[in-house]
Each structure stands twice: as C-alpha cells, then as structure tokens.
Amino acid sequence: MDRFDSGRSLSPIRQAESYWTALLGDDGVPRRSQIDPRGLENILEYTFILERIAPGLARFRLAGSHLSKIAGMEVRGMPLTAFFDPSSRDRITEELEKVFSEPAIGEFTLVSKGKLGRVRLEARMILLPLRSDLGDVSRILGVLVSDGVIGTTPRRFTIDSSQVRPLVAVQRQAEHPRLESGFAEDQAEFKGPSGHLKLVYSRDD
C-alpha cells in the first residue's frame, strides 16, 4: 500500500528507498559518506541515521524533527528500541540485526494504540543498510512517517507487520524492474500481524 488509511502518501519512504537503490554499486551496500542531505531535502524531517552499537542494538546519530515530535524530546543518542513498546522490542531487535547482517531492507507497519486519552496512531518505517568508512555494515538510513494526531508524547509502537528483503533480491529487482510481482514474492520474508525540516547532527558523525 502506498497510502495510510487517511490517504496520506507514503512517498517519503519510497523516495528514500529510490535514493538508496540508486547508490547501489558493484560492492553492494552504499557507504554512509555517499548520503547527501541535499538528495533527501524534501523528506529530511522524517529521516534518520542509525549506528550499530551491539548485535540487534542501534542508536540514533541523526534524527529529523518528526521523530522528535513523536518522542516528545531530542532523540539523538537514543536506541531505536525506545520507540517501541516492551512487547515489540525483541522483535525489532531481531529484525534490525537481519538488516545489518544479511544485509537487507526492513520495512514495518507500526501502531501506537489509543490509551490514556490518546488516539490511535499509525506509522510506517523503512531501514536501509549502509557501510561505515571502515567498510562494515554498521549504519542505517531510515525513514519514519506517522499518520494521525501525535497528541501526548512519548508515543511508542507495536509492530503490526514486517518485511525483510535481502540485498541480493533488491539488486535483482533493480536490474530487472519489470519482473512481475508473482516472481517478486519469493524475494521477501513477511511476518504478519502480531513541517519544518530539522536534522540534529552528532559531532562525531
């Protein structure tokens, strides 16, 4: 689906994926140093960069203003798991490690349930692996877009569905963009239901 229930477009996620795919080379995963904010200037508020600090654990190095609105605070230095309910943290840890280790693209449908006077909030997230300057896959270019009234923060999400697409399948699809969807189904692992622009930079990024 390319839209939320309200009709809001998922174009920030598709834009980020297209930008990342265009950077794919013979050596596979793009490098962090290849990411130019000017190429993502229309979606910077939804964009973030993660750094792997342990198996299944990554912290925010850069974060757009939309993420800070959802968290109700500055998110730089926080782990990605801080955006998830405890019930979903093991799952996001597992999926995050797949993105780094396979490597692969991870795409998620997220839900923050309405409680304590808050309305239900839906979100979509994509995780795109990157190499560090040392050549290891230890960075991620990501986009998180929510749909609805954020309301009282912080908002934390459960994973409604997730899809992991190994890099080899992504490269094959990029080389043969007219493949029918029936052939593309085997390229992914699917787990069923279960502004103003601002980027904050870390000094050591």
N, C-alpha and C. Protein backbone atom coordinates (compact mmCIF):
# COMPACT_ATOMS: atom_id res chain seq x y z
N MET A 1 0.84 -1.20 0.00
CA MET A 1 0.00 0.00 0.00
C MET A 1 0.87 1.24 0.00
N ASP A 2 0.46 2.22 -0.80
CA ASP A 2 1.23 3.45 -0.89
C ASP A 2 0.61 4.58 -0.10
N ARG A 3 -0.47 4.29 0.63
CA ARG A 3 -1.12 5.34 1.43
C ARG A 3 -1.58 4.78 2.77
N PHE A 4 -1.69 5.70 3.75
CA PHE A 4 -2.29 5.35 5.02
C PHE A 4 -3.80 5.34 4.85
N ASP A 5 -4.50 4.93 5.91
CA ASP A 5 -5.96 4.90 5.86
C ASP A 5 -6.54 6.28 5.58
N SER A 6 -5.87 7.33 6.07
CA SER A 6 -6.37 8.68 5.87
C SER A 6 -6.09 9.21 4.47
N GLY A 7 -5.32 8.46 3.69
CA GLY A 7 -4.97 8.92 2.34
C GLY A 7 -3.62 9.58 2.26
N ARG A 8 -2.95 9.73 3.41
CA ARG A 8 -1.63 10.35 3.40
C ARG A 8 -0.63 9.46 2.66
N SER A 9 0.18 10.08 1.84
CA SER A 9 1.10 9.33 0.98
C SER A 9 2.30 8.79 1.75
N LEU A 10 2.77 7.62 1.32
CA LEU A 10 3.99 7.04 1.86
C LEU A 10 5.21 7.44 1.03
N SER A 11 5.10 8.50 0.25
CA SER A 11 6.18 8.88 -0.65
C SER A 11 7.52 9.12 0.03
N PRO A 12 7.60 9.62 1.29
CA PRO A 12 8.92 9.76 1.92
C PRO A 12 9.68 8.44 2.00
N ILE A 13 8.96 7.34 2.27
CA ILE A 13 9.61 6.03 2.34
C ILE A 13 10.06 5.58 0.97
N ARG A 14 9.20 5.75 -0.03
CA ARG A 14 9.56 5.36 -1.39
C ARG A 14 10.70 6.23 -1.94
N GLN A 15 10.71 7.52 -1.60
CA GLN A 15 11.78 8.40 -2.04
C GLN A 15 13.12 7.96 -1.47
N ALA A 16 13.13 7.64 -0.18
CA ALA A 16 14.37 7.21 0.47
C ALA A 16 14.87 5.91 -0.14
N GLU A 17 13.96 4.97 -0.38
CA GLU A 17 14.36 3.70 -0.98
C GLU A 17 14.92 3.89 -2.38
N SER A 18 14.29 4.77 -3.17
CA SER A 18 14.78 5.02 -4.53
C SER A 18 16.16 5.68 -4.49
N TYR A 19 16.35 6.61 -3.57
CA TYR A 19 17.65 7.28 -3.44
C TYR A 19 18.72 6.26 -3.08
N TRP A 20 18.44 5.41 -2.09
CA TRP A 20 19.40 4.39 -1.65
C TRP A 20 19.70 3.40 -2.77
N THR A 21 18.66 2.96 -3.47
CA THR A 21 18.84 1.99 -4.56
C THR A 21 19.73 2.55 -5.66
N ALA A 22 19.61 3.85 -5.92
CA ALA A 22 20.43 4.48 -6.96
C ALA A 22 21.91 4.49 -6.59
N LEU A 23 22.21 4.35 -5.31
CA LEU A 23 23.60 4.35 -4.85
C LEU A 23 24.22 2.96 -4.82
N LEU A 24 23.42 1.92 -5.06
CA LEU A 24 23.96 0.57 -5.06
C LEU A 24 25.02 0.42 -6.14
N GLY A 25 26.14 -0.15 -5.78
CA GLY A 25 27.22 -0.37 -6.74
C GLY A 25 27.61 -1.82 -6.81
N ASP A 26 28.73 -2.07 -7.49
CA ASP A 26 29.21 -3.45 -7.62
C ASP A 26 29.55 -4.07 -6.28
N ASP A 27 29.94 -3.21 -5.30
CA ASP A 27 30.29 -3.73 -3.98
C ASP A 27 29.09 -3.77 -3.04
N GLY A 28 27.89 -3.58 -3.58
CA GLY A 28 26.69 -3.75 -2.78
C GLY A 28 26.28 -2.53 -1.99
N VAL A 29 26.17 -2.66 -0.69
CA VAL A 29 25.62 -1.65 0.20
C VAL A 29 26.35 -0.31 0.06
N PRO A 30 25.61 0.80 -0.12
CA PRO A 30 26.24 2.12 -0.19
C PRO A 30 26.95 2.49 1.11
N ARG A 31 27.87 3.42 1.01
CA ARG A 31 28.58 3.91 2.19
C ARG A 31 27.83 5.10 2.80
N ARG A 32 27.97 5.24 4.10
CA ARG A 32 27.37 6.37 4.81
C ARG A 32 27.83 7.69 4.21
N SER A 33 29.09 7.77 3.79
CA SER A 33 29.64 9.01 3.25
C SER A 33 29.01 9.40 1.91
N GLN A 34 28.31 8.47 1.25
CA GLN A 34 27.65 8.77 -0.01
C GLN A 34 26.31 9.49 0.19
N ILE A 35 25.78 9.45 1.39
CA ILE A 35 24.47 10.05 1.64
C ILE A 35 24.62 11.57 1.72
N ASP A 36 23.98 12.26 0.80
CA ASP A 36 24.00 13.71 0.73
C ASP A 36 22.62 14.24 1.14
N PRO A 37 22.52 15.00 2.22
CA PRO A 37 21.22 15.52 2.64
C PRO A 37 20.46 16.25 1.55
N ARG A 38 21.18 16.83 0.60
CA ARG A 38 20.50 17.56 -0.48
C ARG A 38 19.67 16.62 -1.34
N GLY A 39 20.06 15.34 -1.39
CA GLY A 39 19.29 14.37 -2.16
C GLY A 39 18.02 13.93 -1.45
N LEU A 40 17.91 14.30 -0.17
CA LEU A 40 16.74 13.91 0.63
C LEU A 40 16.06 15.14 1.23
N GLU A 41 16.33 16.30 0.66
CA GLU A 41 15.90 17.55 1.30
C GLU A 41 14.39 17.65 1.48
N ASN A 42 13.61 16.97 0.65
CA ASN A 42 12.16 17.05 0.77
C ASN A 42 11.60 16.17 1.88
N ILE A 43 12.43 15.29 2.43
CA ILE A 43 11.94 14.34 3.44
C ILE A 43 12.81 14.31 4.69
N LEU A 44 13.63 15.32 4.88
CA LEU A 44 14.58 15.32 6.00
C LEU A 44 13.90 15.21 7.36
N GLU A 45 12.71 15.76 7.50
CA GLU A 45 12.07 15.73 8.81
C GLU A 45 11.70 14.31 9.26
N TYR A 46 11.59 13.39 8.29
CA TYR A 46 11.24 12.00 8.59
C TYR A 46 12.46 11.07 8.62
N THR A 47 13.62 11.61 8.28
CA THR A 47 14.81 10.79 8.03
C THR A 47 15.69 10.66 9.26
N PHE A 48 16.38 9.53 9.37
CA PHE A 48 17.33 9.34 10.48
C PHE A 48 18.48 8.45 10.03
N ILE A 49 19.56 8.51 10.80
CA ILE A 49 20.71 7.63 10.61
C ILE A 49 20.94 6.88 11.92
N LEU A 50 21.08 5.56 11.82
CA LEU A 50 21.36 4.72 12.98
C LEU A 50 22.80 4.21 12.93
N GLU A 51 23.37 3.99 14.10
CA GLU A 51 24.69 3.37 14.23
C GLU A 51 24.55 2.10 15.05
N ARG A 52 25.06 0.99 14.54
CA ARG A 52 25.03 -0.28 15.26
C ARG A 52 26.03 -0.23 16.40
N ILE A 53 25.58 -0.51 17.62
CA ILE A 53 26.48 -0.48 18.78
C ILE A 53 26.61 -1.84 19.45
N ALA A 54 25.76 -2.79 19.06
CA ALA A 54 25.80 -4.16 19.58
C ALA A 54 24.85 -4.98 18.72
N PRO A 55 24.94 -6.31 18.74
CA PRO A 55 24.00 -7.12 17.96
C PRO A 55 22.55 -6.77 18.27
N GLY A 56 21.81 -6.37 17.25
CA GLY A 56 20.41 -6.03 17.42
C GLY A 56 20.14 -4.70 18.10
N LEU A 57 21.17 -3.90 18.31
CA LEU A 57 21.01 -2.63 19.01
C LEU A 57 21.68 -1.52 18.21
N ALA A 58 20.93 -0.42 17.99
CA ALA A 58 21.45 0.72 17.25
C ALA A 58 20.92 2.01 17.87
N ARG A 59 21.73 3.05 17.81
CA ARG A 59 21.33 4.34 18.35
C ARG A 59 21.23 5.37 17.24
N PHE A 60 20.45 6.42 17.48
CA PHE A 60 20.28 7.49 16.52
C PHE A 60 21.51 8.39 16.49
N ARG A 61 22.09 8.57 15.30
CA ARG A 61 23.17 9.53 15.11
C ARG A 61 22.62 10.85 14.57
N LEU A 62 21.63 10.76 13.68
CA LEU A 62 20.91 11.92 13.14
C LEU A 62 19.42 11.62 13.26
N ALA A 63 18.62 12.66 13.44
CA ALA A 63 17.17 12.43 13.53
C ALA A 63 16.42 13.66 13.06
N GLY A 64 15.44 13.47 12.17
CA GLY A 64 14.61 14.56 11.72
C GLY A 64 13.61 14.99 12.78
N SER A 65 13.04 16.17 12.58
CA SER A 65 12.17 16.77 13.59
C SER A 65 10.90 15.96 13.83
N HIS A 66 10.43 15.20 12.85
CA HIS A 66 9.21 14.40 13.03
C HIS A 66 9.41 13.35 14.12
N LEU A 67 10.61 12.78 14.19
CA LEU A 67 10.89 11.78 15.23
C LEU A 67 10.90 12.41 16.61
N SER A 68 11.44 13.62 16.69
CA SER A 68 11.45 14.33 17.98
C SER A 68 10.04 14.66 18.44
N LYS A 69 9.15 14.96 17.48
CA LYS A 69 7.76 15.24 17.83
C LYS A 69 7.08 13.99 18.39
N ILE A 70 7.36 12.84 17.79
CA ILE A 70 6.76 11.59 18.26
C ILE A 70 7.29 11.22 19.65
N ALA A 71 8.58 11.43 19.86
CA ALA A 71 9.20 11.08 21.14
C ALA A 71 8.96 12.13 22.21
N GLY A 72 8.67 13.36 21.79
CA GLY A 72 8.49 14.45 22.74
C GLY A 72 9.81 14.96 23.30
N MET A 73 10.91 14.64 22.63
CA MET A 73 12.24 15.05 23.09
C MET A 73 13.24 14.83 21.98
N GLU A 74 14.44 15.33 22.18
CA GLU A 74 15.54 15.07 21.26
C GLU A 74 15.89 13.58 21.31
N VAL A 75 16.02 12.95 20.13
CA VAL A 75 16.25 11.51 20.10
C VAL A 75 17.69 11.13 19.80
N ARG A 76 18.54 12.08 19.45
CA ARG A 76 19.92 11.75 19.14
C ARG A 76 20.58 11.06 20.32
N GLY A 77 21.19 9.91 20.08
CA GLY A 77 21.83 9.12 21.12
C GLY A 77 20.94 8.05 21.73
N MET A 78 19.63 8.14 21.47
CA MET A 78 18.70 7.14 22.00
C MET A 78 18.73 5.87 21.14
N PRO A 79 18.42 4.70 21.72
CA PRO A 79 18.32 3.48 20.91
C PRO A 79 17.01 3.46 20.14
N LEU A 80 17.00 2.78 19.01
CA LEU A 80 15.78 2.64 18.22
C LEU A 80 14.67 1.99 19.04
N THR A 81 15.02 1.08 19.93
CA THR A 81 14.02 0.37 20.73
C THR A 81 13.20 1.30 21.61
N ALA A 82 13.68 2.52 21.85
CA ALA A 82 12.94 3.48 22.67
C ALA A 82 11.61 3.87 22.04
N PHE A 83 11.47 3.64 20.73
CA PHE A 83 10.22 3.97 20.04
C PHE A 83 9.21 2.82 20.09
N PHE A 84 9.55 1.73 20.77
CA PHE A 84 8.69 0.54 20.75
C PHE A 84 8.24 0.15 22.15
N ASP A 85 7.01 -0.39 22.20
CA ASP A 85 6.51 -0.97 23.45
C ASP A 85 7.38 -2.16 23.83
N PRO A 86 7.49 -2.47 25.11
CA PRO A 86 8.29 -3.62 25.53
C PRO A 86 7.92 -4.91 24.81
N SER A 87 6.64 -5.07 24.47
CA SER A 87 6.19 -6.30 23.81
C SER A 87 6.77 -6.47 22.40
N SER A 88 7.24 -5.38 21.79
CA SER A 88 7.77 -5.45 20.43
C SER A 88 9.28 -5.27 20.36
N ARG A 89 9.92 -5.08 21.49
CA ARG A 89 11.35 -4.78 21.45
C ARG A 89 12.20 -5.97 21.02
N ASP A 90 11.82 -7.18 21.44
CA ASP A 90 12.58 -8.35 20.99
C ASP A 90 12.47 -8.51 19.47
N ARG A 91 11.28 -8.26 18.96
CA ARG A 91 11.08 -8.42 17.51
C ARG A 91 11.84 -7.38 16.71
N ILE A 92 11.82 -6.11 17.13
CA ILE A 92 12.55 -5.10 16.37
C ILE A 92 14.05 -5.33 16.47
N THR A 93 14.50 -5.86 17.62
CA THR A 93 15.91 -6.20 17.77
C THR A 93 16.31 -7.30 16.78
N GLU A 94 15.47 -8.31 16.64
CA GLU A 94 15.73 -9.41 15.71
C GLU A 94 15.76 -8.92 14.26
N GLU A 95 14.76 -8.11 13.90
CA GLU A 95 14.67 -7.61 12.52
C GLU A 95 15.81 -6.64 12.21
N LEU A 96 16.16 -5.82 13.17
CA LEU A 96 17.25 -4.87 12.98
C LEU A 96 18.56 -5.60 12.69
N GLU A 97 18.81 -6.67 13.42
CA GLU A 97 20.04 -7.44 13.21
C GLU A 97 20.07 -8.07 11.82
N LYS A 98 18.92 -8.47 11.30
CA LYS A 98 18.86 -9.01 9.94
C LYS A 98 19.26 -7.95 8.92
N VAL A 99 18.79 -6.72 9.13
CA VAL A 99 19.14 -5.64 8.21
C VAL A 99 20.65 -5.44 8.15
N PHE A 100 21.29 -5.51 9.31
CA PHE A 100 22.74 -5.34 9.36
C PHE A 100 23.48 -6.57 8.82
N SER A 101 23.09 -7.75 9.24
CA SER A 101 23.90 -8.94 8.99
C SER A 101 23.70 -9.58 7.63
N GLU A 102 22.48 -9.50 7.04
CA GLU A 102 22.27 -10.21 5.78
C GLU A 102 23.01 -9.61 4.59
N PRO A 103 23.12 -8.33 4.33
CA PRO A 103 22.25 -7.24 4.78
C PRO A 103 20.92 -7.27 4.02
N ALA A 104 19.98 -6.42 4.48
CA ALA A 104 18.64 -6.45 3.91
C ALA A 104 17.94 -5.12 4.14
N ILE A 105 16.85 -4.92 3.42
CA ILE A 105 15.95 -3.79 3.67
C ILE A 105 14.85 -4.28 4.60
N GLY A 106 14.57 -3.50 5.64
CA GLY A 106 13.47 -3.82 6.54
C GLY A 106 12.37 -2.78 6.42
N GLU A 107 11.13 -3.23 6.28
CA GLU A 107 10.01 -2.31 6.19
C GLU A 107 8.93 -2.75 7.18
N PHE A 108 8.35 -1.78 7.89
CA PHE A 108 7.49 -2.08 9.03
C PHE A 108 6.21 -1.26 9.00
N THR A 109 5.12 -1.88 9.42
CA THR A 109 3.87 -1.20 9.72
C THR A 109 3.74 -1.15 11.24
N LEU A 110 3.58 0.04 11.78
CA LEU A 110 3.60 0.24 13.23
C LEU A 110 2.28 0.83 13.71
N VAL A 111 1.94 0.53 14.96
CA VAL A 111 0.71 1.06 15.56
C VAL A 111 0.99 1.50 16.99
N SER A 112 0.53 2.70 17.33
CA SER A 112 0.54 3.17 18.71
C SER A 112 -0.92 3.24 19.14
N LYS A 113 -1.32 2.35 20.02
CA LYS A 113 -2.72 2.22 20.40
C LYS A 113 -3.19 3.43 21.19
N GLY A 114 -4.45 3.77 20.99
CA GLY A 114 -5.02 4.88 21.73
C GLY A 114 -5.32 4.48 23.16
N LYS A 115 -4.71 5.16 24.11
CA LYS A 115 -4.97 4.92 25.52
C LYS A 115 -4.61 6.16 26.30
N LEU A 116 -5.13 6.26 27.50
CA LEU A 116 -4.90 7.43 28.34
C LEU A 116 -5.28 8.72 27.62
N GLY A 117 -6.41 8.66 26.90
CA GLY A 117 -6.91 9.85 26.22
C GLY A 117 -6.27 10.14 24.88
N ARG A 118 -5.39 9.25 24.42
CA ARG A 118 -4.73 9.47 23.14
C ARG A 118 -5.42 8.66 22.04
N VAL A 119 -5.34 9.16 20.81
CA VAL A 119 -5.93 8.45 19.68
C VAL A 119 -4.91 7.48 19.09
N ARG A 120 -5.42 6.49 18.38
CA ARG A 120 -4.57 5.52 17.69
C ARG A 120 -3.71 6.23 16.65
N LEU A 121 -2.45 5.85 16.57
CA LEU A 121 -1.51 6.46 15.62
C LEU A 121 -0.84 5.36 14.81
N GLU A 122 -0.92 5.46 13.50
CA GLU A 122 -0.25 4.51 12.62
C GLU A 122 1.05 5.12 12.11
N ALA A 123 1.99 4.26 11.76
CA ALA A 123 3.26 4.73 11.20
C ALA A 123 3.85 3.67 10.29
N ARG A 124 4.72 4.09 9.40
CA ARG A 124 5.48 3.19 8.54
C ARG A 124 6.96 3.54 8.70
N MET A 125 7.80 2.53 8.64
CA MET A 125 9.24 2.74 8.79
C MET A 125 9.99 1.86 7.81
N ILE A 126 11.07 2.40 7.25
CA ILE A 126 11.96 1.62 6.40
C ILE A 126 13.38 1.78 6.92
N LEU A 127 14.14 0.68 6.88
CA LEU A 127 15.54 0.65 7.32
C LEU A 127 16.39 0.18 6.15
N LEU A 128 17.38 1.00 5.76
CA LEU A 128 18.21 0.75 4.59
C LEU A 128 19.67 0.68 5.04
N PRO A 129 20.34 -0.46 4.88
CA PRO A 129 21.70 -0.63 5.40
C PRO A 129 22.73 0.23 4.69
N LEU A 130 23.75 0.65 5.46
CA LEU A 130 24.86 1.44 4.94
C LEU A 130 26.17 0.91 5.50
N ARG A 131 27.25 1.11 4.74
CA ARG A 131 28.59 0.79 5.24
C ARG A 131 29.20 2.01 5.92
N SER A 132 30.00 1.77 6.94
CA SER A 132 30.78 2.84 7.54
C SER A 132 32.00 3.09 6.67
N ASP A 133 32.80 4.07 7.04
CA ASP A 133 34.03 4.34 6.29
C ASP A 133 35.02 3.18 6.39
N LEU A 134 34.84 2.30 7.37
CA LEU A 134 35.71 1.13 7.53
C LEU A 134 35.25 -0.03 6.65
N GLY A 135 34.07 0.12 6.05
CA GLY A 135 33.57 -0.92 5.15
C GLY A 135 32.59 -1.90 5.76
N ASP A 136 32.38 -1.85 7.08
CA ASP A 136 31.43 -2.77 7.71
C ASP A 136 30.02 -2.20 7.63
N VAL A 137 29.02 -3.08 7.58
CA VAL A 137 27.63 -2.64 7.52
C VAL A 137 27.18 -2.36 8.95
N SER A 138 27.33 -1.11 9.36
CA SER A 138 27.04 -0.73 10.74
C SER A 138 26.26 0.59 10.84
N ARG A 139 25.71 1.04 9.73
CA ARG A 139 24.88 2.24 9.71
C ARG A 139 23.59 1.91 8.98
N ILE A 140 22.57 2.69 9.25
CA ILE A 140 21.28 2.53 8.57
C ILE A 140 20.73 3.90 8.23
N LEU A 141 20.25 4.03 7.00
CA LEU A 141 19.45 5.18 6.60
C LEU A 141 18.00 4.77 6.78
N GLY A 142 17.25 5.56 7.55
CA GLY A 142 15.87 5.19 7.83
C GLY A 142 14.90 6.34 7.65
N VAL A 143 13.64 5.98 7.49
CA VAL A 143 12.55 6.96 7.42
C VAL A 143 11.41 6.44 8.28
N LEU A 144 10.82 7.32 9.08
CA LEU A 144 9.65 7.00 9.90
C LEU A 144 8.59 8.06 9.65
N VAL A 145 7.43 7.64 9.18
CA VAL A 145 6.33 8.56 8.88
C VAL A 145 5.10 8.10 9.65
N SER A 146 4.52 8.99 10.44
CA SER A 146 3.29 8.65 11.17
C SER A 146 2.10 9.33 10.51
N ASP A 147 0.91 8.79 10.77
CA ASP A 147 -0.31 9.30 10.17
C ASP A 147 -1.35 9.47 11.25
N GLY A 148 -1.71 10.72 11.53
CA GLY A 148 -2.69 10.99 12.57
C GLY A 148 -2.16 12.01 13.56
N VAL A 149 -2.96 12.27 14.57
CA VAL A 149 -2.59 13.24 15.60
C VAL A 149 -1.63 12.58 16.58
N ILE A 150 -0.46 13.17 16.75
CA ILE A 150 0.53 12.60 17.67
C ILE A 150 0.06 12.72 19.11
N GLY A 151 -0.47 13.88 19.45
CA GLY A 151 -1.01 14.07 20.80
C GLY A 151 0.06 14.02 21.88
N THR A 152 -0.33 13.51 23.05
CA THR A 152 0.58 13.45 24.19
C THR A 152 1.73 12.50 23.90
N THR A 153 2.92 12.95 24.18
CA THR A 153 4.12 12.15 23.94
C THR A 153 4.72 11.67 25.26
N PRO A 154 5.57 10.67 25.21
CA PRO A 154 6.07 9.97 24.02
C PRO A 154 5.07 8.95 23.49
N ARG A 155 5.11 8.70 22.17
CA ARG A 155 4.33 7.64 21.57
C ARG A 155 5.24 6.46 21.30
N ARG A 156 4.80 5.28 21.70
CA ARG A 156 5.57 4.06 21.45
C ARG A 156 4.71 3.10 20.63
N PHE A 157 5.38 2.31 19.80
CA PHE A 157 4.69 1.49 18.81
C PHE A 157 4.84 0.00 19.04
N THR A 158 3.86 -0.73 18.54
CA THR A 158 3.97 -2.18 18.37
C THR A 158 4.12 -2.44 16.88
N ILE A 159 4.69 -3.59 16.52
CA ILE A 159 4.88 -3.95 15.12
C ILE A 159 3.66 -4.73 14.65
N ASP A 160 2.95 -4.16 13.70
CA ASP A 160 1.78 -4.84 13.13
C ASP A 160 2.22 -5.83 12.06
N SER A 161 3.19 -5.45 11.23
CA SER A 161 3.73 -6.36 10.22
C SER A 161 5.14 -5.91 9.86
N SER A 162 5.92 -6.84 9.35
CA SER A 162 7.29 -6.51 8.94
C SER A 162 7.66 -7.31 7.71
N GLN A 163 8.54 -6.75 6.92
CA GLN A 163 9.01 -7.39 5.70
C GLN A 163 10.51 -7.16 5.60
N VAL A 164 11.26 -8.23 5.35
CA VAL A 164 12.71 -8.12 5.20
C VAL A 164 13.07 -8.62 3.81
N ARG A 165 13.74 -7.76 3.04
CA ARG A 165 14.13 -8.10 1.67
C ARG A 165 15.65 -8.15 1.58
N PRO A 166 16.24 -9.32 1.44
CA PRO A 166 17.70 -9.43 1.35
C PRO A 166 18.25 -8.60 0.18
N LEU A 167 19.46 -8.10 0.35
CA LEU A 167 20.06 -7.23 -0.64
C LEU A 167 20.13 -7.89 -2.01
N VAL A 168 20.42 -9.18 -2.07
CA VAL A 168 20.54 -9.86 -3.36
C VAL A 168 19.23 -9.78 -4.14
N ALA A 169 18.10 -9.85 -3.43
CA ALA A 169 16.81 -9.74 -4.09
C ALA A 169 16.55 -8.31 -4.56
N VAL A 170 16.97 -7.34 -3.76
CA VAL A 170 16.81 -5.93 -4.12
C VAL A 170 17.62 -5.61 -5.38
N GLN A 171 18.85 -6.12 -5.44
CA GLN A 171 19.70 -5.88 -6.61
C GLN A 171 19.10 -6.52 -7.85
N ARG A 172 18.56 -7.72 -7.70
CA ARG A 172 17.96 -8.40 -8.85
C ARG A 172 16.75 -7.63 -9.36
N GLN A 173 15.95 -7.10 -8.43
CA GLN A 173 14.78 -6.32 -8.82
C GLN A 173 15.20 -5.03 -9.50
N ALA A 174 16.29 -4.39 -9.02
CA ALA A 174 16.77 -3.16 -9.62
C ALA A 174 17.27 -3.40 -11.05
N GLU A 175 17.86 -4.57 -11.26
CA GLU A 175 18.38 -4.91 -12.59
C GLU A 175 17.27 -5.30 -13.55
N HIS A 176 16.14 -5.83 -12.99
CA HIS A 176 15.01 -6.27 -13.81
C HIS A 176 13.72 -5.67 -13.26
N PRO A 177 13.54 -4.35 -13.39
CA PRO A 177 12.40 -3.67 -12.77
C PRO A 177 11.04 -4.10 -13.29
N ARG A 178 10.98 -4.82 -14.42
CA ARG A 178 9.68 -5.22 -14.97
C ARG A 178 9.26 -6.61 -14.54
N LEU A 179 9.99 -7.19 -13.58
CA LEU A 179 9.59 -8.51 -13.08
C LEU A 179 8.17 -8.44 -12.52
N GLU A 180 7.39 -9.46 -12.80
CA GLU A 180 6.04 -9.49 -12.28
C GLU A 180 6.07 -9.71 -10.78
N SER A 181 5.05 -9.20 -10.08
CA SER A 181 5.01 -9.32 -8.63
C SER A 181 5.02 -10.78 -8.18
N GLY A 182 4.47 -11.67 -9.02
CA GLY A 182 4.47 -13.09 -8.66
C GLY A 182 5.86 -13.65 -8.50
N PHE A 183 6.80 -13.13 -9.28
CA PHE A 183 8.18 -13.57 -9.15
C PHE A 183 8.85 -12.89 -7.97
N ALA A 184 8.36 -11.72 -7.61
CA ALA A 184 8.98 -10.95 -6.54
C ALA A 184 8.62 -11.49 -5.16
N GLU A 185 7.56 -12.27 -5.05
CA GLU A 185 7.09 -12.71 -3.74
C GLU A 185 8.14 -13.51 -2.98
N ASP A 186 8.93 -14.33 -3.69
CA ASP A 186 9.91 -15.15 -3.02
C ASP A 186 11.13 -14.37 -2.57
N GLN A 187 11.18 -13.08 -2.90
CA GLN A 187 12.34 -12.27 -2.56
C GLN A 187 12.23 -11.67 -1.17
N ALA A 188 11.14 -11.88 -0.48
CA ALA A 188 10.94 -11.21 0.80
C ALA A 188 10.45 -12.19 1.86
N GLU A 189 10.80 -11.86 3.09
CA GLU A 189 10.27 -12.61 4.23
C GLU A 189 9.25 -11.73 4.90
N PHE A 190 8.03 -12.23 5.07
CA PHE A 190 6.96 -11.40 5.61
C PHE A 190 6.44 -11.99 6.90
N LYS A 191 6.29 -11.13 7.90
CA LYS A 191 5.69 -11.54 9.16
C LYS A 191 4.40 -10.78 9.33
N GLY A 192 3.32 -11.48 9.47
CA GLY A 192 2.00 -10.87 9.51
C GLY A 192 1.69 -10.19 10.82
N PRO A 193 0.41 -9.86 11.04
CA PRO A 193 0.02 -9.04 12.18
C PRO A 193 0.55 -9.56 13.50
N SER A 194 0.86 -9.30 14.15
CA SER A 194 1.32 -9.61 15.51
C SER A 194 0.47 -8.91 16.50
N GLY A 195 5.77 20.32 7.84
CA GLY A 195 6.61 20.78 8.75
C GLY A 195 7.74 21.62 8.37
N HIS A 196 8.41 21.50 9.37
CA HIS A 196 9.67 22.23 9.20
C HIS A 196 10.78 21.22 9.28
N LEU A 197 11.75 21.42 8.41
CA LEU A 197 12.83 20.46 8.35
C LEU A 197 13.88 20.76 9.41
N LYS A 198 14.38 19.69 10.02
CA LYS A 198 15.42 19.85 11.02
C LYS A 198 16.18 18.54 11.17
N LEU A 199 17.48 18.61 11.10
CA LEU A 199 18.32 17.46 11.41
C LEU A 199 19.29 17.86 12.50
N VAL A 200 19.48 17.02 13.47
CA VAL A 200 20.41 17.29 14.55
C VAL A 200 21.62 16.40 14.35
N TYR A 201 22.79 16.99 14.20
CA TYR A 201 23.99 16.24 13.91
C TYR A 201 24.81 15.95 15.14
N SER A 202 25.36 14.75 15.20
CA SER A 202 26.30 14.38 16.24
C SER A 202 27.68 14.87 15.85
N ARG A 203 28.47 15.34 16.78
CA ARG A 203 29.79 15.88 16.46
C ARG A 203 30.69 14.85 15.82
N ASP A 204 30.51 13.56 16.22
CA ASP A 204 31.42 12.54 15.72
C ASP A 204 30.87 11.79 14.53
N ASP A 205 29.73 12.30 13.92
CA ASP A 205 29.15 11.60 12.78
C ASP A 205 30.06 11.74 11.55
